[in-house]
Each structure stands twice: as structure tokens, then as C-alpha cells.
Amino acid sequence: MLPVRTVFPTPASFASIMNGTETIRYKAYDLICGARAADQGTIAPTLVVARRAWPSRTRVIAMIRGTFATEAIAIASAHAQGVQWVTDFG
């Protein structure tokens, strides 16, 4: 019987899996659009909105549920929802 060998991933390998972000300026706001790994190899978008004027308070915006095949599509979805949030509430 062969011994069981367990390999644990390093923190550096987690960062290389999925951790894409893109900061987009829209009106008086910075939209920090991101993508993170989700279930079964799909990608979920993330969005943080920060006002560029004082007082600035960052807000993590809840994204519409959905998973995407690529990082670029997830970031584009976060960007679209960020523009909608600024238009409605900004």
C-alpha cells in the first residue's frame, strides 16, 4: 500500500488562481470592479464604490447573482452595475 501524500496550496498559488481587479473612474466615483473564483470553475463579480471627494466612504455593493465564464465578462458586469448604482444613488 502506498502512503497518502497531501499537498496544500500556498497563498501565492491562491492569488494566481483568480484575483483580478480594475479601477474605473465614473463621474465623481471610483468603481473597483473585480472577479473572484466561484463554484465549479466559474467566476463571480465584485464591486466596491468609493467617492473621490471628501467625505469618502467606500461601499461594497451587493452584486446580482450570477457566475461568468471569464474574468473579463465578470468585470464588465460589475462595471455595468456600478454605473447603474451611481446613476440611481450617487
PDB file of N, CA and C in Angstrom:
ATOM      1  N   MET A   1       0.842  -1.175   0.000  1.00  0.00           N
ATOM      2  CA  MET A   1       0.000   0.000   0.000  1.00  0.00           C
ATOM      3  C   MET A   1       0.894   1.248   0.000  1.00  0.00           C
ATOM      4  N   LEU A   2       0.589   2.186  -0.882  1.00  0.00           N
ATOM      5  CA  LEU A   2       1.375   3.419  -0.994  1.00  0.00           C
ATOM      6  C   LEU A   2       0.915   4.437   0.038  1.00  0.00           C
ATOM      7  N   PRO A   3       1.843   5.226   0.569  1.00  0.00           N
ATOM      8  CA  PRO A   3       1.431   6.256   1.533  1.00  0.00           C
ATOM      9  C   PRO A   3       0.661   7.374   0.825  1.00  0.00           C
ATOM     10  N   VAL A   4      -0.268   7.963   1.550  1.00  0.00           N
ATOM     11  CA  VAL A   4      -1.062   9.061   1.019  1.00  0.00           C
ATOM     12  C   VAL A   4      -0.283  10.349   1.199  1.00  0.00           C
ATOM     13  N   ARG A   5      -0.171  11.099   0.143  1.00  0.00           N
ATOM     14  CA  ARG A   5       0.556  12.369   0.197  1.00  0.00           C
ATOM     15  C   ARG A   5      -0.436  13.501  -0.006  1.00  0.00           C
ATOM     16  N   THR A   6      -0.505  14.400   0.930  1.00  0.00           N
ATOM     17  CA  THR A   6      -1.409  15.536   0.844  1.00  0.00           C
ATOM     18  C   THR A   6      -0.601  16.778   0.513  1.00  0.00           C
ATOM     19  N   VAL A   7      -1.016  17.498  -0.512  1.00  0.00           N
ATOM     20  CA  VAL A   7      -0.338  18.722  -0.927  1.00  0.00           C
ATOM     21  C   VAL A   7      -1.281  19.886  -0.674  1.00  0.00           C
ATOM     22  N   PHE A   8      -0.829  20.828   0.128  1.00  0.00           N
ATOM     23  CA  PHE A   8      -1.624  22.004   0.411  1.00  0.00           C
ATOM     24  C   PHE A   8      -1.143  23.159  -0.462  1.00  0.00           C
ATOM     25  N   PRO A   9      -2.065  23.902  -1.091  1.00  0.00           N
ATOM     26  CA  PRO A   9      -1.632  25.034  -1.910  1.00  0.00           C
ATOM     27  C   PRO A   9      -1.068  26.163  -1.065  1.00  0.00           C
ATOM     28  N   THR A  10      -0.116  26.864  -1.620  1.00  0.00           N
ATOM     29  CA  THR A  10       0.478  28.010  -0.928  1.00  0.00           C
ATOM     30  C   THR A  10      -0.376  29.245  -1.162  1.00  0.00           C
ATOM     31  N   PRO A  11      -0.265  30.278  -0.327  1.00  0.00           N
ATOM     32  CA  PRO A  11      -1.025  31.512  -0.555  1.00  0.00           C
ATOM     33  C   PRO A  11      -0.723  32.137  -1.911  1.00  0.00           C
ATOM     34  N   ALA A  12       0.481  32.014  -2.400  1.00  0.00           N
ATOM     35  CA  ALA A  12       0.821  32.570  -3.707  1.00  0.00           C
ATOM     36  C   ALA A  12       0.036  31.876  -4.818  1.00  0.00           C
ATOM     37  N   SER A  13      -0.177  30.578  -4.687  1.00  0.00           N
ATOM     38  CA  SER A  13      -0.935  29.884  -5.726  1.00  0.00           C
ATOM     39  C   SER A  13      -2.408  30.271  -5.684  1.00  0.00           C
ATOM     40  N   PHE A  14      -2.949  30.617  -4.505  1.00  0.00           N
ATOM     41  CA  PHE A  14      -4.323  31.095  -4.441  1.00  0.00           C
ATOM     42  C   PHE A  14      -4.471  32.412  -5.192  1.00  0.00           C
ATOM     43  N   ALA A  15      -3.493  33.296  -5.059  1.00  0.00           N
ATOM     44  CA  ALA A  15      -3.561  34.590  -5.727  1.00  0.00           C
ATOM     45  C   ALA A  15      -3.510  34.431  -7.232  1.00  0.00           C
ATOM     46  N   SER A  16      -2.807  33.424  -7.706  1.00  0.00           N
ATOM     47  CA  SER A  16      -2.713  33.246  -9.150  1.00  0.00           C
ATOM     48  C   SER A  16      -3.953  32.592  -9.736  1.00  0.00           C
ATOM     49  N   ILE A  17      -4.791  31.970  -8.887  1.00  0.00           N
ATOM     50  CA  ILE A  17      -5.998  31.323  -9.394  1.00  0.00           C
ATOM     51  C   ILE A  17      -6.958  32.371  -9.948  1.00  0.00           C
ATOM     52  N   MET A  18      -7.316  33.351  -9.138  1.00  0.00           N
ATOM     53  CA  MET A  18      -8.242  34.372  -9.589  1.00  0.00           C
ATOM     54  C   MET A  18      -8.237  35.526  -8.615  1.00  0.00           C
ATOM     55  N   ASN A  19      -7.849  36.669  -9.057  1.00  0.00           N
ATOM     56  CA  ASN A  19      -7.891  37.835  -8.202  1.00  0.00           C
ATOM     57  C   ASN A  19      -7.755  39.076  -9.059  1.00  0.00           C
ATOM     58  N   GLY A  20      -8.580  39.192 -10.079  1.00  0.00           N
ATOM     59  CA  GLY A  20      -8.479  40.314 -10.991  1.00  0.00           C
ATOM     60  C   GLY A  20      -9.305  41.494 -10.533  1.00  0.00           C
ATOM     61  N   THR A  21      -8.746  42.691 -10.603  1.00  0.00           N
ATOM     62  CA  THR A  21      -9.487  43.913 -10.308  1.00  0.00           C
ATOM     63  C   THR A  21      -9.160  44.962 -11.350  1.00  0.00           C
ATOM     64  N   GLU A  22     -10.087  45.886 -11.499  1.00  0.00           N
ATOM     65  CA  GLU A  22      -9.895  47.003 -12.411  1.00  0.00           C
ATOM     66  C   GLU A  22     -10.601  48.208 -11.805  1.00  0.00           C
ATOM     67  N   THR A  23      -9.897  49.330 -11.687  1.00  0.00           N
ATOM     68  CA  THR A  23     -10.488  50.548 -11.143  1.00  0.00           C
ATOM     69  C   THR A  23     -10.880  51.457 -12.295  1.00  0.00           C
ATOM     70  N   ILE A  24     -12.151  51.847 -12.297  1.00  0.00           N
ATOM     71  CA  ILE A  24     -12.708  52.663 -13.375  1.00  0.00           C
ATOM     72  C   ILE A  24     -13.269  53.932 -12.753  1.00  0.00           C
ATOM     73  N   ARG A  25     -12.912  55.074 -13.305  1.00  0.00           N
ATOM     74  CA  ARG A  25     -13.447  56.349 -12.828  1.00  0.00           C
ATOM     75  C   ARG A  25     -14.728  56.660 -13.581  1.00  0.00           C
ATOM     76  N   TYR A  26     -15.775  56.965 -12.816  1.00  0.00           N
ATOM     77  CA  TYR A  26     -17.064  57.342 -13.414  1.00  0.00           C
ATOM     78  C   TYR A  26     -17.630  58.490 -12.599  1.00  0.00           C
ATOM     79  N   LYS A  27     -17.782  59.630 -13.237  1.00  0.00           N
ATOM     80  CA  LYS A  27     -18.209  60.872 -12.597  1.00  0.00           C
ATOM     81  C   LYS A  27     -17.301  61.153 -11.397  1.00  0.00           C
ATOM     82  N   ALA A  28     -17.859  61.287 -10.190  1.00  0.00           N
ATOM     83  CA  ALA A  28     -17.053  61.587  -9.000  1.00  0.00           C
ATOM     84  C   ALA A  28     -16.747  60.327  -8.195  1.00  0.00           C
ATOM     85  N   TYR A  29     -16.795  59.165  -8.827  1.00  0.00           N
ATOM     86  CA  TYR A  29     -16.635  57.902  -8.126  1.00  0.00           C
ATOM     87  C   TYR A  29     -15.551  57.043  -8.758  1.00  0.00           C
ATOM     88  N   ASP A  30     -14.934  56.203  -7.938  1.00  0.00           N
ATOM     89  CA  ASP A  30     -14.052  55.137  -8.409  1.00  0.00           C
ATOM     90  C   ASP A  30     -14.808  53.831  -8.243  1.00  0.00           C
ATOM     91  N   LEU A  31     -14.951  53.108  -9.335  1.00  0.00           N
ATOM     92  CA  LEU A  31     -15.597  51.801  -9.308  1.00  0.00           C
ATOM     93  C   LEU A  31     -14.491  50.753  -9.328  1.00  0.00           C
ATOM     94  N   ILE A  32     -14.353  50.025  -8.256  1.00  0.00           N
ATOM     95  CA  ILE A  32     -13.327  48.978  -8.169  1.00  0.00           C
ATOM     96  C   ILE A  32     -14.022  47.664  -8.497  1.00  0.00           C
ATOM     97  N   CYS A  33     -13.918  47.272  -9.747  1.00  0.00           N
ATOM     98  CA  CYS A  33     -14.585  46.086 -10.255  1.00  0.00           C
ATOM     99  C   CYS A  33     -13.619  44.914 -10.167  1.00  0.00           C
ATOM    100  N   GLY A  34     -14.107  43.801  -9.678  1.00  0.00           N
ATOM    101  CA  GLY A  34     -13.238  42.654  -9.509  1.00  0.00           C
ATOM    102  C   GLY A  34     -13.904  41.357  -9.912  1.00  0.00           C
ATOM    103  N   ALA A  35     -13.107  40.312  -9.900  1.00  0.00           N
ATOM    104  CA  ALA A  35     -13.597  38.974 -10.210  1.00  0.00           C
ATOM    105  C   ALA A  35     -12.928  38.009  -9.244  1.00  0.00           C
ATOM    106  N   ARG A  36     -13.704  37.070  -8.741  1.00  0.00           N
ATOM    107  CA  ARG A  36     -13.161  36.074  -7.819  1.00  0.00           C
ATOM    108  C   ARG A  36     -13.670  34.700  -8.226  1.00  0.00           C
ATOM    109  N   ALA A  37     -12.922  33.697  -7.861  1.00  0.00           N
ATOM    110  CA  ALA A  37     -13.303  32.326  -8.193  1.00  0.00           C
ATOM    111  C   ALA A  37     -14.561  31.948  -7.434  1.00  0.00           C
ATOM    112  N   ALA A  38     -15.462  31.274  -8.128  1.00  0.00           N
ATOM    113  CA  ALA A  38     -16.711  30.810  -7.517  1.00  0.00           C
ATOM    114  C   ALA A  38     -16.773  29.295  -7.647  1.00  0.00           C
ATOM    115  N   ASP A  39     -17.933  28.747  -7.498  1.00  0.00           N
ATOM    116  CA  ASP A  39     -18.115  27.298  -7.541  1.00  0.00           C
ATOM    117  C   ASP A  39     -17.893  26.724  -8.931  1.00  0.00           C
ATOM    118  N   GLN A  40     -17.328  25.565  -8.982  1.00  0.00           N
ATOM    119  CA  GLN A  40     -17.171  24.741 -10.176  1.00  0.00           C
ATOM    120  C   GLN A  40     -16.513  25.469 -11.343  1.00  0.00           C
ATOM    121  N   GLY A  41     -15.480  26.224 -11.054  1.00  0.00           N
ATOM    122  CA  GLY A  41     -14.696  26.856 -12.106  1.00  0.00           C
ATOM    123  C   GLY A  41     -15.317  28.091 -12.725  1.00  0.00           C
ATOM    124  N   THR A  42     -16.369  28.635 -12.133  1.00  0.00           N
ATOM    125  CA  THR A  42     -16.958  29.858 -12.655  1.00  0.00           C
ATOM    126  C   THR A  42     -16.406  31.053 -11.883  1.00  0.00           C
ATOM    127  N   ILE A  43     -16.722  32.244 -12.351  1.00  0.00           N
ATOM    128  CA  ILE A  43     -16.173  33.475 -11.783  1.00  0.00           C
ATOM    129  C   ILE A  43     -17.321  34.391 -11.386  1.00  0.00           C
ATOM    130  N   ALA A  44     -17.239  34.977 -10.196  1.00  0.00           N
ATOM    131  CA  ALA A  44     -18.263  35.883  -9.691  1.00  0.00           C
ATOM    132  C   ALA A  44     -17.704  37.303  -9.641  1.00  0.00           C
ATOM    133  N   PRO A  45     -18.511  38.304 -10.006  1.00  0.00           N
ATOM    134  CA  PRO A  45     -18.044  39.689  -9.961  1.00  0.00           C
ATOM    135  C   PRO A  45     -18.122  40.273  -8.549  1.00  0.00           C
ATOM    136  N   THR A  46     -17.261  41.261  -8.274  1.00  0.00           N
ATOM    137  CA  THR A  46     -17.299  42.027  -7.027  1.00  0.00           C
ATOM    138  C   THR A  46     -17.253  43.505  -7.381  1.00  0.00           C
ATOM    139  N   LEU A  47     -17.832  44.339  -6.504  1.00  0.00           N
ATOM    140  CA  LEU A  47     -17.868  45.773  -6.786  1.00  0.00           C
ATOM    141  C   LEU A  47     -17.740  46.562  -5.494  1.00  0.00           C
ATOM    142  N   VAL A  48     -16.809  47.534  -5.490  1.00  0.00           N
ATOM    143  CA  VAL A  48     -16.648  48.485  -4.395  1.00  0.00           C
ATOM    144  C   VAL A  48     -16.710  49.870  -5.017  1.00  0.00           C
ATOM    145  N   VAL A  49     -17.550  50.744  -4.435  1.00  0.00           N
ATOM    146  CA  VAL A  49     -17.708  52.107  -4.941  1.00  0.00           C
ATOM    147  C   VAL A  49     -17.134  53.063  -3.907  1.00  0.00           C
ATOM    148  N   ALA A  50     -16.277  53.986  -4.354  1.00  0.00           N
ATOM    149  CA  ALA A  50     -15.676  54.979  -3.461  1.00  0.00           C
ATOM    150  C   ALA A  50     -15.803  56.357  -4.107  1.00  0.00           C
ATOM    151  N   ARG A  51     -16.266  57.305  -3.341  1.00  0.00           N
ATOM    152  CA  ARG A  51     -16.365  58.675  -3.837  1.00  0.00           C
ATOM    153  C   ARG A  51     -15.000  59.326  -3.766  1.00  0.00           C
ATOM    154  N   ARG A  52     -14.645  60.111  -4.788  1.00  0.00           N
ATOM    155  CA  ARG A  52     -13.325  60.744  -4.820  1.00  0.00           C
ATOM    156  C   ARG A  52     -13.273  62.065  -4.070  1.00  0.00           C
ATOM    157  N   ALA A  53     -14.394  62.539  -3.562  1.00  0.00           N
ATOM    158  CA  ALA A  53     -14.418  63.786  -2.800  1.00  0.00           C
ATOM    159  C   ALA A  53     -14.593  63.475  -1.312  1.00  0.00           C
ATOM    160  N   TRP A  54     -14.182  64.421  -0.469  1.00  0.00           N
ATOM    161  CA  TRP A  54     -14.337  64.230   0.952  1.00  0.00           C
ATOM    162  C   TRP A  54     -15.775  64.495   1.347  1.00  0.00           C
ATOM    163  N   PRO A  55     -16.444  63.823   2.209  1.00  0.00           N
ATOM    164  CA  PRO A  55     -16.001  62.620   2.909  1.00  0.00           C
ATOM    165  C   PRO A  55     -16.182  61.389   2.027  1.00  0.00           C
ATOM    166  N   SER A  56     -15.163  60.624   1.939  1.00  0.00           N
ATOM    167  CA  SER A  56     -15.199  59.420   1.123  1.00  0.00           C
ATOM    168  C   SER A  56     -15.463  58.224   2.012  1.00  0.00           C
ATOM    169  N   ARG A  57     -16.428  57.434   1.634  1.00  0.00           N
ATOM    170  CA  ARG A  57     -16.747  56.214   2.372  1.00  0.00           C
ATOM    171  C   ARG A  57     -16.947  55.107   1.345  1.00  0.00           C
ATOM    172  N   THR A  58     -16.099  54.113   1.391  1.00  0.00           N
ATOM    173  CA  THR A  58     -16.218  53.027   0.425  1.00  0.00           C
ATOM    174  C   THR A  58     -17.441  52.182   0.745  1.00  0.00           C
ATOM    175  N   ARG A  59     -18.055  51.690  -0.303  1.00  0.00           N
ATOM    176  CA  ARG A  59     -19.247  50.858  -0.145  1.00  0.00           C
ATOM    177  C   ARG A  59     -19.085  49.607  -0.978  1.00  0.00           C
ATOM    178  N   VAL A  60     -19.286  48.486  -0.331  1.00  0.00           N
ATOM    179  CA  VAL A  60     -19.272  47.214  -1.049  1.00  0.00           C
ATOM    180  C   VAL A  60     -20.696  46.985  -1.529  1.00  0.00           C
ATOM    181  N   ILE A  61     -20.866  46.900  -2.830  1.00  0.00           N
ATOM    182  CA  ILE A  61     -22.178  46.775  -3.437  1.00  0.00           C
ATOM    183  C   ILE A  61     -22.492  45.303  -3.661  1.00  0.00           C
ATOM    184  N   ALA A  62     -23.678  44.893  -3.236  1.00  0.00           N
ATOM    185  CA  ALA A  62     -24.102  43.515  -3.462  1.00  0.00           C
ATOM    186  C   ALA A  62     -24.392  43.336  -4.947  1.00  0.00           C
ATOM    187  N   MET A  63     -23.787  42.339  -5.522  1.00  0.00           N
ATOM    188  CA  MET A  63     -23.940  42.091  -6.954  1.00  0.00           C
ATOM    189  C   MET A  63     -25.144  41.206  -7.215  1.00  0.00           C
ATOM    190  N   ILE A  64     -25.731  41.378  -8.393  1.00  0.00           N
ATOM    191  CA  ILE A  64     -26.797  40.486  -8.825  1.00  0.00           C
ATOM    192  C   ILE A  64     -26.188  39.104  -8.974  1.00  0.00           C
ATOM    193  N   ARG A  65     -26.887  38.106  -8.466  1.00  0.00           N
ATOM    194  CA  ARG A  65     -26.346  36.745  -8.521  1.00  0.00           C
ATOM    195  C   ARG A  65     -26.095  36.337  -9.958  1.00  0.00           C
ATOM    196  N   GLY A  66     -24.989  35.687 -10.139  1.00  0.00           N
ATOM    197  CA  GLY A  66     -24.631  35.202 -11.461  1.00  0.00           C
ATOM    198  C   GLY A  66     -23.161  34.837 -11.487  1.00  0.00           C
ATOM    199  N   THR A  67     -22.852  33.877 -12.304  1.00  0.00           N
ATOM    200  CA  THR A  67     -21.470  33.476 -12.481  1.00  0.00           C
ATOM    201  C   THR A  67     -21.135  33.554 -13.953  1.00  0.00           C
ATOM    202  N   PHE A  68     -19.884  33.795 -14.239  1.00  0.00           N
ATOM    203  CA  PHE A  68     -19.452  34.028 -15.603  1.00  0.00           C
ATOM    204  C   PHE A  68     -18.286  33.120 -15.958  1.00  0.00           C
ATOM    205  N   ALA A  69     -18.076  32.943 -17.251  1.00  0.00           N
ATOM    206  CA  ALA A  69     -17.035  32.021 -17.716  1.00  0.00           C
ATOM    207  C   ALA A  69     -15.647  32.644 -17.674  1.00  0.00           C
ATOM    208  N   THR A  70     -15.540  33.961 -17.882  1.00  0.00           N
ATOM    209  CA  THR A  70     -14.221  34.592 -17.910  1.00  0.00           C
ATOM    210  C   THR A  70     -14.175  35.776 -16.947  1.00  0.00           C
ATOM    211  N   GLU A  71     -12.958  36.145 -16.585  1.00  0.00           N
ATOM    212  CA  GLU A  71     -12.734  37.279 -15.693  1.00  0.00           C
ATOM    213  C   GLU A  71     -13.177  38.588 -16.336  1.00  0.00           C
ATOM    214  N   ALA A  72     -12.931  38.755 -17.616  1.00  0.00           N
ATOM    215  CA  ALA A  72     -13.285  39.992 -18.320  1.00  0.00           C
ATOM    216  C   ALA A  72     -14.795  40.220 -18.332  1.00  0.00           C
ATOM    217  N   ILE A  73     -15.561  39.165 -18.519  1.00  0.00           N
ATOM    218  CA  ILE A  73     -17.021  39.299 -18.541  1.00  0.00           C
ATOM    219  C   ILE A  73     -17.536  39.647 -17.146  1.00  0.00           C
ATOM    220  N   ALA A  74     -16.954  39.057 -16.107  1.00  0.00           N
ATOM    221  CA  ALA A  74     -17.364  39.364 -14.735  1.00  0.00           C
ATOM    222  C   ALA A  74     -17.048  40.814 -14.383  1.00  0.00           C
ATOM    223  N   ILE A  75     -15.893  41.314 -14.787  1.00  0.00           N
ATOM    224  CA  ILE A  75     -15.523  42.707 -14.522  1.00  0.00           C
ATOM    225  C   ILE A  75     -16.429  43.652 -15.303  1.00  0.00           C
ATOM    226  N   ALA A  76     -16.778  43.308 -16.533  1.00  0.00           N
ATOM    227  CA  ALA A  76     -17.703  44.133 -17.323  1.00  0.00           C
ATOM    228  C   ALA A  76     -19.085  44.177 -16.676  1.00  0.00           C
ATOM    229  N   SER A  77     -19.528  43.072 -16.107  1.00  0.00           N
ATOM    230  CA  SER A  77     -20.811  43.045 -15.402  1.00  0.00           C
ATOM    231  C   SER A  77     -20.768  43.927 -14.167  1.00  0.00           C
ATOM    232  N   ALA A  78     -19.666  43.866 -13.410  1.00  0.00           N
ATOM    233  CA  ALA A  78     -19.512  44.714 -12.231  1.00  0.00           C
ATOM    234  C   ALA A  78     -19.478  46.189 -12.622  1.00  0.00           C
ATOM    235  N   HIS A  79     -18.822  46.507 -13.719  1.00  0.00           N
ATOM    236  CA  HIS A  79     -18.772  47.888 -14.206  1.00  0.00           C
ATOM    237  C   HIS A  79     -20.173  48.392 -14.550  1.00  0.00           C
ATOM    238  N   ALA A  80     -20.941  47.596 -15.262  1.00  0.00           N
ATOM    239  CA  ALA A  80     -22.295  47.990 -15.646  1.00  0.00           C
ATOM    240  C   ALA A  80     -23.173  48.215 -14.411  1.00  0.00           C
ATOM    241  N   GLN A  81     -23.053  47.354 -13.418  1.00  0.00           N
ATOM    242  CA  GLN A  81     -23.845  47.516 -12.209  1.00  0.00           C
ATOM    243  C   GLN A  81     -23.365  48.704 -11.382  1.00  0.00           C
ATOM    244  N   GLY A  82     -22.068  49.012 -11.434  1.00  0.00           N
ATOM    245  CA  GLY A  82     -21.546  50.178 -10.738  1.00  0.00           C
ATOM    246  C   GLY A  82     -22.044  51.468 -11.346  1.00  0.00           C
ATOM    247  N   VAL A  83     -22.079  51.547 -12.671  1.00  0.00           N
ATOM    248  CA  VAL A  83     -22.624  52.722 -13.349  1.00  0.00           C
ATOM    249  C   VAL A  83     -24.097  52.886 -13.000  1.00  0.00           C
ATOM    250  N   GLN A  84     -24.830  51.784 -12.962  1.00  0.00           N
ATOM    251  CA  GLN A  84     -26.255  51.835 -12.596  1.00  0.00           C
ATOM    252  C   GLN A  84     -26.428  52.319 -11.165  1.00  0.00           C
ATOM    253  N   TRP A  85     -25.555  51.863 -10.249  1.00  0.00           N
ATOM    254  CA  TRP A  85     -25.652  52.290  -8.851  1.00  0.00           C
ATOM    255  C   TRP A  85     -25.386  53.784  -8.716  1.00  0.00           C
ATOM    256  N   VAL A  86     -24.352  54.286  -9.404  1.00  0.00           N
ATOM    257  CA  VAL A  86     -24.045  55.715  -9.334  1.00  0.00           C
ATOM    258  C   VAL A  86     -25.186  56.536  -9.926  1.00  0.00           C
ATOM    259  N   THR A  87     -25.772  56.074 -11.009  1.00  0.00           N
ATOM    260  CA  THR A  87     -26.884  56.777 -11.634  1.00  0.00           C
ATOM    261  C   THR A  87     -28.094  56.834 -10.705  1.00  0.00           C
ATOM    262  N   ASP A  88     -28.378  55.734 -10.010  1.00  0.00           N
ATOM    263  CA  ASP A  88     -29.552  55.681  -9.142  1.00  0.00           C
ATOM    264  C   ASP A  88     -29.335  56.343  -7.776  1.00  0.00           C
ATOM    265  N   PHE A  89     -28.168  56.117  -7.163  1.00  0.00           N
ATOM    266  CA  PHE A  89     -27.962  56.544  -5.771  1.00  0.00           C
ATOM    267  C   PHE A  89     -26.858  57.571  -5.585  1.00  0.00           C
ATOM    268  N   GLY A  90     -26.012  57.794  -6.571  1.00  0.00           N
ATOM    269  CA  GLY A  90     -24.842  58.653  -6.403  1.00  0.00           C
ATOM    270  C   GLY A  90     -25.094  60.080  -6.493  1.00  0.00           C
TER     271      GLY A  90
END
